N, C-alpha and C. Protein backbone atom coordinates (compact mmCIF):
# COMPACT_ATOMS: atom_id res chain seq x y z
N MET A 1 -152.00 68.07 -98.51
CA MET A 1 -152.28 67.80 -99.88
C MET A 1 -153.21 69.15 -100.40
N LEU A 2 -154.14 69.85 -99.08
CA LEU A 2 -154.65 71.06 -99.78
C LEU A 2 -153.88 72.01 -100.80
N LEU A 3 -152.60 72.08 -99.88
CA LEU A 3 -151.80 72.83 -100.15
C LEU A 3 -151.04 72.63 -101.32
N ASP A 4 -150.52 71.58 -101.63
CA ASP A 4 -150.20 71.09 -102.53
C ASP A 4 -151.11 71.17 -104.10
N LEU A 5 -152.23 71.58 -103.83
CA LEU A 5 -153.64 71.71 -104.69
C LEU A 5 -153.33 73.03 -105.41
N VAL A 6 -153.35 73.84 -104.60
CA VAL A 6 -153.27 75.18 -104.25
C VAL A 6 -152.58 75.51 -105.24
N ALA A 7 -151.16 75.18 -104.50
CA ALA A 7 -150.03 75.48 -105.69
C ALA A 7 -149.79 75.06 -106.84
N ALA A 8 -150.56 74.20 -107.11
CA ALA A 8 -150.69 73.36 -108.50
C ALA A 8 -151.52 74.04 -109.03
N LEU A 9 -152.45 74.39 -108.71
CA LEU A 9 -153.60 75.19 -109.57
C LEU A 9 -153.37 76.74 -109.80
N GLY A 10 -152.45 77.66 -108.64
CA GLY A 10 -152.24 78.84 -108.72
C GLY A 10 -153.33 79.90 -108.63
N PRO A 11 -153.05 80.35 -109.86
CA PRO A 11 -154.23 81.58 -109.88
C PRO A 11 -155.59 80.94 -109.57
N TRP A 12 -155.79 80.12 -110.40
CA TRP A 12 -156.98 79.03 -110.61
C TRP A 12 -157.62 78.63 -109.42
N SER A 13 -156.83 78.83 -108.06
CA SER A 13 -157.48 77.82 -106.75
C SER A 13 -158.58 78.94 -106.39
N TRP A 14 -158.06 80.46 -106.82
CA TRP A 14 -159.14 81.21 -106.00
C TRP A 14 -160.45 81.08 -107.03
N VAL A 15 -160.16 81.19 -108.26
CA VAL A 15 -161.66 80.88 -108.95
C VAL A 15 -162.11 79.63 -108.62
N LEU A 16 -161.86 78.40 -108.51
CA LEU A 16 -162.40 77.21 -108.15
C LEU A 16 -163.15 77.31 -106.58
N PHE A 17 -162.03 78.45 -105.66
CA PHE A 17 -163.04 78.29 -104.35
C PHE A 17 -164.25 79.00 -104.66
N GLY A 18 -164.14 80.25 -105.36
CA GLY A 18 -165.34 81.18 -105.86
C GLY A 18 -166.53 80.04 -106.33
N VAL A 19 -166.25 79.40 -107.22
CA VAL A 19 -166.82 78.69 -107.99
C VAL A 19 -167.80 77.86 -106.72
N ILE A 20 -166.91 77.10 -105.93
CA ILE A 20 -167.81 76.35 -105.00
C ILE A 20 -168.42 76.70 -103.89
N LEU A 21 -168.13 77.58 -103.88
CA LEU A 21 -169.03 78.86 -102.83
C LEU A 21 -170.27 79.20 -103.25
N LEU A 22 -169.89 79.45 -104.53
CA LEU A 22 -171.46 79.73 -105.22
C LEU A 22 -172.35 78.57 -105.62
N GLY A 23 -171.41 77.48 -105.85
CA GLY A 23 -172.64 76.27 -105.57
C GLY A 23 -173.05 75.78 -104.33
N ALA A 24 -172.03 75.95 -103.37
CA ALA A 24 -172.44 75.97 -101.99
C ALA A 24 -174.06 76.64 -101.69
N GLU A 25 -173.84 78.18 -102.31
CA GLU A 25 -175.75 78.27 -101.83
C GLU A 25 -176.42 77.91 -102.41
N ILE A 26 -176.66 77.12 -103.29
CA ILE A 26 -177.26 76.49 -104.20
C ILE A 26 -178.18 75.23 -102.51
N LEU A 27 -176.91 75.19 -102.18
CA LEU A 27 -177.56 74.08 -101.08
C LEU A 27 -177.77 74.50 -99.54
N VAL A 28 -177.16 75.48 -99.32
CA VAL A 28 -177.34 76.17 -97.98
C VAL A 28 -178.14 77.22 -97.72
N PRO A 29 -179.01 76.79 -96.87
CA PRO A 29 -180.22 78.05 -97.32
C PRO A 29 -179.71 79.33 -96.59
N GLY A 30 -180.52 80.32 -97.36
CA GLY A 30 -180.06 81.84 -96.81
C GLY A 30 -179.45 82.17 -98.56
N PHE A 31 -178.90 83.75 -98.13
CA PHE A 31 -178.55 84.19 -99.26
C PHE A 31 -177.00 84.75 -99.54
N PHE A 32 -176.54 83.95 -98.14
CA PHE A 32 -174.87 84.46 -97.93
C PHE A 32 -173.81 84.33 -98.46
N LEU A 33 -173.52 83.10 -99.10
CA LEU A 33 -172.42 82.24 -99.51
C LEU A 33 -172.23 83.08 -100.93
N ILE A 34 -173.13 83.57 -101.63
CA ILE A 34 -172.44 84.17 -103.19
C ILE A 34 -172.08 85.13 -103.00
N TRP A 35 -172.28 85.99 -101.89
CA TRP A 35 -171.20 87.60 -101.90
C TRP A 35 -169.76 86.94 -101.35
N ILE A 36 -169.57 86.17 -100.68
CA ILE A 36 -167.83 85.20 -100.32
C ILE A 36 -167.66 85.07 -101.49
N GLY A 37 -168.48 83.99 -102.35
CA GLY A 37 -167.71 83.44 -103.62
C GLY A 37 -167.71 84.39 -104.65
N LEU A 38 -168.51 85.39 -104.86
CA LEU A 38 -167.95 86.60 -105.56
C LEU A 38 -166.96 87.43 -105.31
N ALA A 39 -166.77 87.32 -104.10
CA ALA A 39 -165.28 87.97 -103.76
C ALA A 39 -164.03 87.09 -103.66
N ALA A 40 -163.70 86.00 -103.91
CA ALA A 40 -163.01 84.81 -104.09
C ALA A 40 -162.94 85.04 -105.82
N LEU A 41 -163.89 84.88 -106.55
CA LEU A 41 -163.92 84.82 -108.23
C LEU A 41 -163.11 86.85 -108.42
N ALA A 42 -163.46 87.54 -107.60
CA ALA A 42 -162.52 88.56 -107.88
C ALA A 42 -161.14 88.90 -107.52
N VAL A 43 -160.98 87.79 -106.41
CA VAL A 43 -159.54 87.83 -106.40
C VAL A 43 -158.59 86.66 -107.37
N GLY A 44 -159.41 85.74 -107.78
CA GLY A 44 -159.18 84.51 -108.87
C GLY A 44 -158.36 85.38 -109.87
N LEU A 45 -159.63 86.34 -110.24
CA LEU A 45 -159.50 87.73 -111.69
C LEU A 45 -158.24 88.47 -111.32
N LEU A 46 -157.92 88.84 -110.32
CA LEU A 46 -156.68 89.59 -110.21
C LEU A 46 -155.82 88.85 -109.73
N SER A 47 -155.76 87.62 -109.90
CA SER A 47 -154.93 86.75 -109.54
C SER A 47 -154.21 86.79 -110.60
N LEU A 48 -154.84 85.85 -111.78
CA LEU A 48 -154.91 85.73 -112.95
C LEU A 48 -153.93 86.91 -113.60
N LEU A 49 -154.59 88.27 -113.30
CA LEU A 49 -153.35 89.00 -113.87
C LEU A 49 -151.99 89.39 -113.21
N LEU A 50 -152.23 89.39 -111.63
CA LEU A 50 -150.95 89.63 -110.95
C LEU A 50 -150.30 88.61 -110.34
N TRP A 51 -149.98 87.27 -110.88
CA TRP A 51 -149.82 86.02 -110.35
C TRP A 51 -148.46 86.47 -110.41
N ASN A 52 -147.72 86.65 -111.33
CA ASN A 52 -146.27 86.88 -110.97
C ASN A 52 -145.46 88.15 -110.89
N ALA A 53 -146.25 89.23 -110.49
CA ALA A 53 -146.03 90.72 -109.38
C ALA A 53 -145.35 90.32 -107.58
N GLY A 54 -144.45 90.85 -107.69
CA GLY A 54 -144.01 90.66 -106.83
C GLY A 54 -144.30 91.16 -105.54
N PHE A 55 -145.37 91.91 -105.19
CA PHE A 55 -146.30 92.20 -104.10
C PHE A 55 -147.45 91.20 -104.29
N TRP A 56 -147.72 90.43 -104.85
CA TRP A 56 -148.89 89.56 -104.99
C TRP A 56 -148.80 88.36 -103.94
N THR A 57 -148.59 88.47 -102.97
CA THR A 57 -148.36 87.36 -102.17
C THR A 57 -149.78 86.91 -101.83
N TRP A 58 -149.18 85.65 -101.00
CA TRP A 58 -150.57 84.38 -100.29
C TRP A 58 -151.13 85.70 -99.32
N GLN A 59 -150.20 86.71 -98.68
CA GLN A 59 -151.11 87.71 -97.47
C GLN A 59 -151.26 88.41 -98.16
N VAL A 60 -151.59 89.21 -99.26
CA VAL A 60 -152.26 90.57 -99.64
C VAL A 60 -153.39 89.58 -100.69
N GLN A 61 -153.34 88.35 -101.26
CA GLN A 61 -154.41 88.02 -101.38
C GLN A 61 -155.62 87.49 -100.54
N VAL A 62 -155.18 87.13 -99.20
CA VAL A 62 -156.06 86.79 -98.33
C VAL A 62 -156.58 88.18 -97.81
N LEU A 63 -156.02 89.03 -97.51
CA LEU A 63 -156.32 90.22 -97.03
C LEU A 63 -157.23 91.28 -98.11
N LEU A 64 -157.20 90.82 -99.43
CA LEU A 64 -158.04 90.97 -100.40
C LEU A 64 -159.06 90.63 -100.15
N PHE A 65 -159.34 89.16 -100.21
CA PHE A 65 -160.14 88.11 -100.17
C PHE A 65 -160.99 88.62 -99.02
N LEU A 66 -160.71 89.32 -97.95
CA LEU A 66 -161.40 89.13 -96.35
C LEU A 66 -162.23 90.26 -96.61
N ALA A 67 -161.34 91.71 -97.07
CA ALA A 67 -161.72 92.94 -97.66
C ALA A 67 -163.02 92.58 -98.50
N LEU A 68 -163.03 92.27 -99.61
CA LEU A 68 -164.03 92.18 -100.81
C LEU A 68 -165.04 91.25 -99.72
N ALA A 69 -164.84 89.90 -99.21
CA ALA A 69 -165.92 89.19 -98.98
C ALA A 69 -166.82 90.29 -97.69
N ILE A 70 -166.06 91.08 -97.00
CA ILE A 70 -167.03 92.12 -96.08
C ILE A 70 -167.72 92.89 -96.93
N ALA A 71 -167.22 93.37 -97.33
CA ALA A 71 -167.64 94.82 -98.17
C ALA A 71 -168.33 94.30 -99.40
N SER A 72 -168.70 93.02 -99.95
CA SER A 72 -169.30 92.60 -100.68
C SER A 72 -170.69 92.04 -99.90
N ALA A 73 -170.84 91.25 -98.51
CA ALA A 73 -171.81 90.87 -97.85
C ALA A 73 -172.49 92.18 -97.29
N ILE A 74 -172.01 93.42 -97.04
CA ILE A 74 -172.17 94.37 -96.52
C ILE A 74 -173.53 94.92 -97.57
N GLY A 75 -172.97 94.83 -98.54
CA GLY A 75 -173.27 95.91 -100.06
C GLY A 75 -174.81 94.68 -99.96
N GLY A 76 -174.23 93.01 -100.72
CA GLY A 76 -175.30 92.72 -100.55
C GLY A 76 -176.57 92.82 -99.65
N ARG A 77 -176.42 93.02 -98.31
CA ARG A 77 -177.34 92.91 -97.35
C ARG A 77 -178.19 94.04 -98.10
N ALA A 78 -177.41 95.63 -97.89
CA ALA A 78 -178.15 96.54 -97.99
C ALA A 78 -178.82 96.88 -99.32
N LEU A 79 -178.35 95.61 -100.45
CA LEU A 79 -179.16 95.60 -101.88
C LEU A 79 -180.13 94.72 -101.98
N MET A 80 -180.61 93.79 -100.81
CA MET A 80 -181.41 93.09 -100.34
C MET A 80 -182.39 93.31 -99.98
N ARG A 81 -182.29 94.10 -99.02
CA ARG A 81 -183.26 94.99 -98.25
C ARG A 81 -183.61 95.81 -98.56
N ARG A 82 -183.15 96.66 -99.47
CA ARG A 82 -184.09 97.37 -100.30
C ARG A 82 -185.28 97.10 -101.05
N GLU A 83 -186.30 97.75 -100.80
CA GLU A 83 -187.56 97.16 -100.93
C GLU A 83 -187.83 97.85 -102.69
N GLU A 84 -187.76 96.09 -103.07
CA GLU A 84 -188.27 96.22 -104.76
C GLU A 84 -189.42 96.96 -105.21
N LEU A 85 -189.23 97.63 -106.31
CA LEU A 85 -190.69 98.11 -106.82
C LEU A 85 -191.52 97.07 -107.17
N SER A 86 -192.66 97.23 -107.10
CA SER A 86 -194.14 95.63 -107.28
C SER A 86 -194.86 96.51 -107.59
N ASP A 87 -195.58 95.63 -109.08
CA ASP A 87 -196.68 96.07 -108.66
C ASP A 87 -197.96 95.60 -107.94
N GLU A 88 -197.24 94.61 -107.08
CA GLU A 88 -198.11 93.84 -106.24
C GLU A 88 -197.34 93.95 -104.42
N PRO A 89 -197.17 95.23 -103.59
CA PRO A 89 -196.23 95.78 -102.88
C PRO A 89 -197.13 94.58 -101.39
N LEU A 90 -198.26 94.68 -101.53
CA LEU A 90 -198.77 93.91 -100.23
C LEU A 90 -198.85 92.27 -100.30
N LEU A 91 -198.21 91.80 -101.52
CA LEU A 91 -198.57 90.70 -102.11
C LEU A 91 -198.21 89.62 -100.47
N ASN A 92 -197.67 89.50 -100.31
CA ASN A 92 -197.02 89.00 -98.89
C ASN A 92 -197.13 89.53 -97.27
N ARG A 93 -198.40 90.17 -97.43
CA ARG A 93 -198.86 91.31 -96.20
C ARG A 93 -200.57 91.39 -96.41
N ARG A 94 -200.78 89.94 -95.85
CA ARG A 94 -202.04 89.15 -96.20
C ARG A 94 -203.29 90.55 -95.42
N THR A 95 -203.00 90.63 -93.99
CA THR A 95 -203.63 91.39 -93.04
C THR A 95 -203.66 92.87 -93.82
N ALA A 96 -202.34 93.72 -94.54
CA ALA A 96 -202.53 94.63 -94.64
C ALA A 96 -203.30 94.91 -95.89
N GLN A 97 -203.47 93.66 -97.13
CA GLN A 97 -204.41 93.64 -97.96
C GLN A 97 -206.09 94.34 -97.88
N LEU A 98 -206.36 94.30 -96.61
CA LEU A 98 -207.69 93.89 -95.93
C LEU A 98 -208.36 95.16 -95.51
N VAL A 99 -206.91 95.97 -94.78
CA VAL A 99 -207.71 97.29 -94.85
C VAL A 99 -208.31 98.16 -95.85
N GLY A 100 -209.69 98.42 -95.65
CA GLY A 100 -210.59 99.22 -96.45
C GLY A 100 -211.85 98.21 -96.52
N ARG A 101 -211.65 96.93 -96.33
CA ARG A 101 -212.52 96.34 -96.84
C ARG A 101 -213.58 96.30 -95.94
N ILE A 102 -215.01 96.27 -96.66
CA ILE A 102 -216.12 96.17 -95.39
C ILE A 102 -216.63 94.94 -94.90
N ALA A 103 -217.05 94.26 -93.79
CA ALA A 103 -217.63 93.41 -93.09
C ALA A 103 -218.74 93.66 -92.61
N THR A 104 -219.21 92.19 -92.15
CA THR A 104 -220.02 92.23 -91.12
C THR A 104 -219.81 91.50 -89.91
N LEU A 105 -220.12 92.16 -88.65
CA LEU A 105 -219.45 91.58 -87.48
C LEU A 105 -220.55 90.11 -87.50
N GLU A 106 -219.83 89.04 -87.39
CA GLU A 106 -220.37 87.37 -87.13
C GLU A 106 -220.30 87.51 -85.49
N GLN A 107 -219.96 87.99 -84.57
CA GLN A 107 -219.80 88.23 -83.30
C GLN A 107 -219.90 89.54 -82.61
N PRO A 108 -220.47 89.73 -81.73
CA PRO A 108 -221.10 91.43 -81.23
C PRO A 108 -219.06 91.61 -80.86
N MET A 109 -219.14 93.07 -80.85
CA MET A 109 -218.10 93.49 -80.00
C MET A 109 -218.47 93.84 -79.02
N VAL A 110 -217.68 92.79 -78.07
CA VAL A 110 -217.60 93.37 -76.49
C VAL A 110 -216.32 93.38 -75.63
N ASP A 111 -216.27 95.02 -74.99
CA ASP A 111 -214.47 95.32 -74.44
C ASP A 111 -213.63 94.88 -75.73
N GLY A 112 -214.23 95.72 -76.80
CA GLY A 112 -213.16 95.96 -77.76
C GLY A 112 -212.43 95.44 -78.73
N ARG A 113 -213.39 94.12 -78.75
CA ARG A 113 -213.28 92.86 -79.51
C ARG A 113 -214.28 91.58 -79.77
N GLY A 114 -213.92 91.18 -81.31
CA GLY A 114 -214.82 90.64 -81.81
C GLY A 114 -214.63 89.80 -82.99
N ARG A 115 -215.30 89.32 -83.98
CA ARG A 115 -214.82 88.82 -85.13
C ARG A 115 -215.50 88.98 -86.14
N ILE A 116 -215.07 88.94 -87.48
CA ILE A 116 -215.76 89.24 -88.28
C ILE A 116 -215.48 87.99 -89.50
N ARG A 117 -215.85 87.71 -90.68
CA ARG A 117 -215.85 86.93 -91.82
C ARG A 117 -215.42 87.87 -92.99
N ILE A 118 -213.97 87.59 -93.51
CA ILE A 118 -213.64 88.27 -94.95
C ILE A 118 -213.33 86.73 -95.59
N ASP A 119 -214.09 86.77 -96.75
CA ASP A 119 -213.53 85.37 -97.89
C ASP A 119 -213.94 84.33 -96.97
N ASP A 120 -213.11 83.60 -96.87
CA ASP A 120 -213.37 81.70 -96.17
C ASP A 120 -212.02 82.38 -94.70
N THR A 121 -211.78 83.58 -94.31
CA THR A 121 -211.62 83.45 -93.08
C THR A 121 -212.07 84.37 -91.97
N THR A 122 -211.97 83.85 -90.82
CA THR A 122 -212.93 84.52 -89.67
C THR A 122 -211.55 85.35 -88.64
N TRP A 123 -211.47 86.83 -88.78
CA TRP A 123 -210.51 87.08 -88.54
C TRP A 123 -210.75 87.95 -86.98
N ARG A 124 -209.75 88.22 -85.84
CA ARG A 124 -209.96 89.04 -84.86
C ARG A 124 -210.06 90.44 -85.09
N VAL A 125 -211.18 90.84 -84.18
CA VAL A 125 -211.15 92.28 -84.68
C VAL A 125 -211.08 93.08 -83.09
N THR A 126 -210.74 94.65 -83.22
CA THR A 126 -210.52 95.22 -82.34
C THR A 126 -211.20 96.48 -82.85
N GLY A 127 -212.22 97.41 -81.74
CA GLY A 127 -212.63 98.60 -82.04
C GLY A 127 -213.78 98.69 -81.08
N PRO A 128 -214.90 99.67 -81.77
CA PRO A 128 -215.69 99.66 -80.43
C PRO A 128 -216.63 99.08 -80.60
N ASP A 129 -217.27 98.88 -79.19
CA ASP A 129 -218.46 97.52 -79.00
C ASP A 129 -219.77 98.12 -79.94
N LEU A 130 -220.19 96.85 -80.61
CA LEU A 130 -221.22 97.02 -81.82
C LEU A 130 -221.65 95.27 -81.55
N PRO A 131 -223.21 95.54 -81.99
CA PRO A 131 -224.05 94.85 -82.03
C PRO A 131 -223.65 93.62 -83.03
N ALA A 132 -223.54 92.25 -83.28
CA ALA A 132 -223.33 91.07 -84.24
C ALA A 132 -224.50 92.02 -85.50
N GLY A 133 -224.28 91.73 -87.13
CA GLY A 133 -224.61 92.37 -87.97
C GLY A 133 -224.23 93.07 -88.61
N THR A 134 -223.73 93.98 -87.50
CA THR A 134 -223.01 95.35 -87.73
C THR A 134 -222.13 95.48 -89.27
N ARG A 135 -222.48 96.44 -90.21
CA ARG A 135 -221.27 96.43 -91.10
C ARG A 135 -219.97 97.49 -90.77
N VAL A 136 -218.60 96.65 -90.79
CA VAL A 136 -217.62 97.55 -90.42
C VAL A 136 -216.87 97.68 -91.50
N ARG A 137 -215.49 98.61 -91.19
CA ARG A 137 -214.59 99.18 -92.32
C ARG A 137 -213.51 98.35 -91.55
N VAL A 138 -212.18 97.70 -92.30
CA VAL A 138 -211.57 97.32 -91.73
C VAL A 138 -210.21 98.91 -91.93
N VAL A 139 -209.99 99.31 -90.71
CA VAL A 139 -208.99 100.87 -90.64
C VAL A 139 -207.23 100.26 -90.96
N ALA A 140 -207.42 99.50 -90.21
CA ALA A 140 -205.76 98.92 -90.06
C ALA A 140 -205.51 97.75 -89.56
N ALA A 141 -204.20 97.17 -89.63
CA ALA A 141 -203.64 95.49 -89.44
C ALA A 141 -203.04 96.16 -88.72
N GLU A 142 -202.75 95.15 -87.66
CA GLU A 142 -201.81 95.07 -86.74
C GLU A 142 -201.38 93.43 -86.08
N GLY A 143 -200.08 93.14 -87.03
CA GLY A 143 -199.82 91.83 -86.57
C GLY A 143 -201.25 90.94 -87.53
N GLY A 144 -201.59 89.98 -86.95
CA GLY A 144 -202.50 88.87 -87.16
C GLY A 144 -204.33 89.42 -86.85
N GLN A 145 -204.17 90.82 -86.30
CA GLN A 145 -205.82 91.42 -85.99
C GLN A 145 -205.77 92.57 -86.57
N LEU A 146 -207.07 92.57 -86.63
CA LEU A 146 -207.70 93.91 -87.74
C LEU A 146 -207.94 95.34 -86.74
N ARG A 147 -208.34 96.05 -86.93
CA ARG A 147 -208.95 97.44 -86.04
C ARG A 147 -209.87 97.73 -87.31
N VAL A 148 -211.27 97.84 -86.47
CA VAL A 148 -212.26 98.19 -87.52
C VAL A 148 -213.23 99.37 -86.93
N GLU A 149 -213.87 100.25 -87.33
CA GLU A 149 -214.93 101.05 -87.44
C GLU A 149 -216.00 100.76 -87.40
N LYS A 150 -217.56 101.42 -87.10
CA LYS A 150 -218.44 101.24 -87.95
C LYS A 150 -218.66 101.60 -89.29
N TYR A 151 -219.18 101.10 -90.27
CA TYR A 151 -219.12 101.80 -91.48
C TYR A 151 -220.66 101.95 -91.50
N PRO A 152 -220.41 103.68 -91.84
CA PRO A 152 -221.68 104.52 -92.26
C PRO A 152 -222.59 104.25 -92.94
N SER A 153 -224.14 103.80 -92.82
CA SER A 153 -225.02 103.07 -93.27
C SER A 153 -225.59 104.41 -94.32
N SER A 154 -226.10 104.18 -95.33
CA SER A 154 -226.63 105.01 -96.32
C SER A 154 -227.92 105.07 -96.04
N GLY A 155 -228.72 106.08 -95.88
CA GLY A 155 -230.44 105.93 -95.73
C GLY A 155 -230.58 106.74 -94.55
């Protein structure tokens, strides 16, 4: 039945396959089927041009599809990994946004550990032992923990 459908559709079977894969991309989590769907569409477009050529056998079509699918998946992955330029580069890196902020220790720093409150959140911090109430500056973000140092007071 499937072979009959492919034979009846001819070169349009690749286009239909590509459209199905692109539609499945909407339903399946991730960002992968789009590249395979684009490869199928490319083979479909070539099939429309080369369908009656003697060398354009189903084996050549499948090999070209596999090569294009692999190439487009690798290229798409590289494209998606490339860091996009943004006016908010730290948007999804909340702890990195806190570097440079000044806060007051809520708990004393004992054995290099304590807590500060910034806005509505209490953060675990590491740094030198200091008494509660000391003003500190966030100097680094390591995972969900902040590293602080004593903020020099004026006067």
